[in-house]
Amino acid sequence: MKRYYSLDISTKTKVVGSAPNGPLELNEPLNIRSILEQGKLPKYAEFRLKGNARLTDYTFCMDAGTWNFYIVSPKLHSILEQFNLQNHLWSECRIVRKDKKWDYFMLTLQQAETDDGYPALFYPEMIDFKNSVFCESGFARFSLDGTEPILEVSDYNDYLAMQQKYRKSVLKTPRFVKLAFNDEYLERNKIDMCWQFPLYDCPMISERLKTTLEENDITGIELIDIYSCPTREVNLWD
């Protein structure tokens, strides 16, 4: 079975240091969300490294205005360029601290939408819905205890219907307990990095890209097996 991993941004202070609301802030206001609607990133942006934050290969800026926006070092950029990423945009940027400057890159993975403008999966074919497990959970809960109602999701149409049902809910949301992948589709397409929002917030990466990141000691990342994420401690559905 194919394995995919969540490419999370590390929160370990030994790795990323410490700075309120994230390691970076924009030196000048920049509405990334508005820019993305025009289909391009700014030619150049400058970020300040805050407080005791440490410079890493993979980082973010909370005031950039969108989740799907990542700041990567030239080292990580050169690695990602060798792999198969879904439709995406690159732009050069700079990180500064006092008189020091570092050249970086901004990356965003493009979002698919349903006919009514709601976020849709970019590669629905890569998900094996029948062998995945979904449940109903409260918005405020960060872990599951195994008592949540299991949702019937056999294909992508069921998934869209489920999202439609919960779209306006303020108390409940659908989550996956375990996520399986379509091996046949992935053998043909070899997707190495994609953003499957609203199914999951972070980019998903292939096992071969995960291995390359680890071999090159890429900093600022946390890699979590998607199959058992986000409830790794729960096995009541096994």
Foldseek 3Di string as FASTA:
>chain_A
DFWKKFWAFDPDCVFFNDDPQFQKEWPDQAAQVVVVVVVAGDQETEIEGDDGTDDFQWTDYPRNHDLQKIKGAPVVVVLCVVAAAADKYKHWYWYDYVPDIGIIMMIGFDFDADPVGHTAFPCQQFWQFQPWWKFKDFPPDQEDDLPTHTDDDRGRVSVVVQCVVCVPPNTIDMATQFTDTDPVVCVVVVHAWHQGPPRDRGIMGGPVSVVVCVVVVGGRTDIGTRGRPPHVVDDSVD
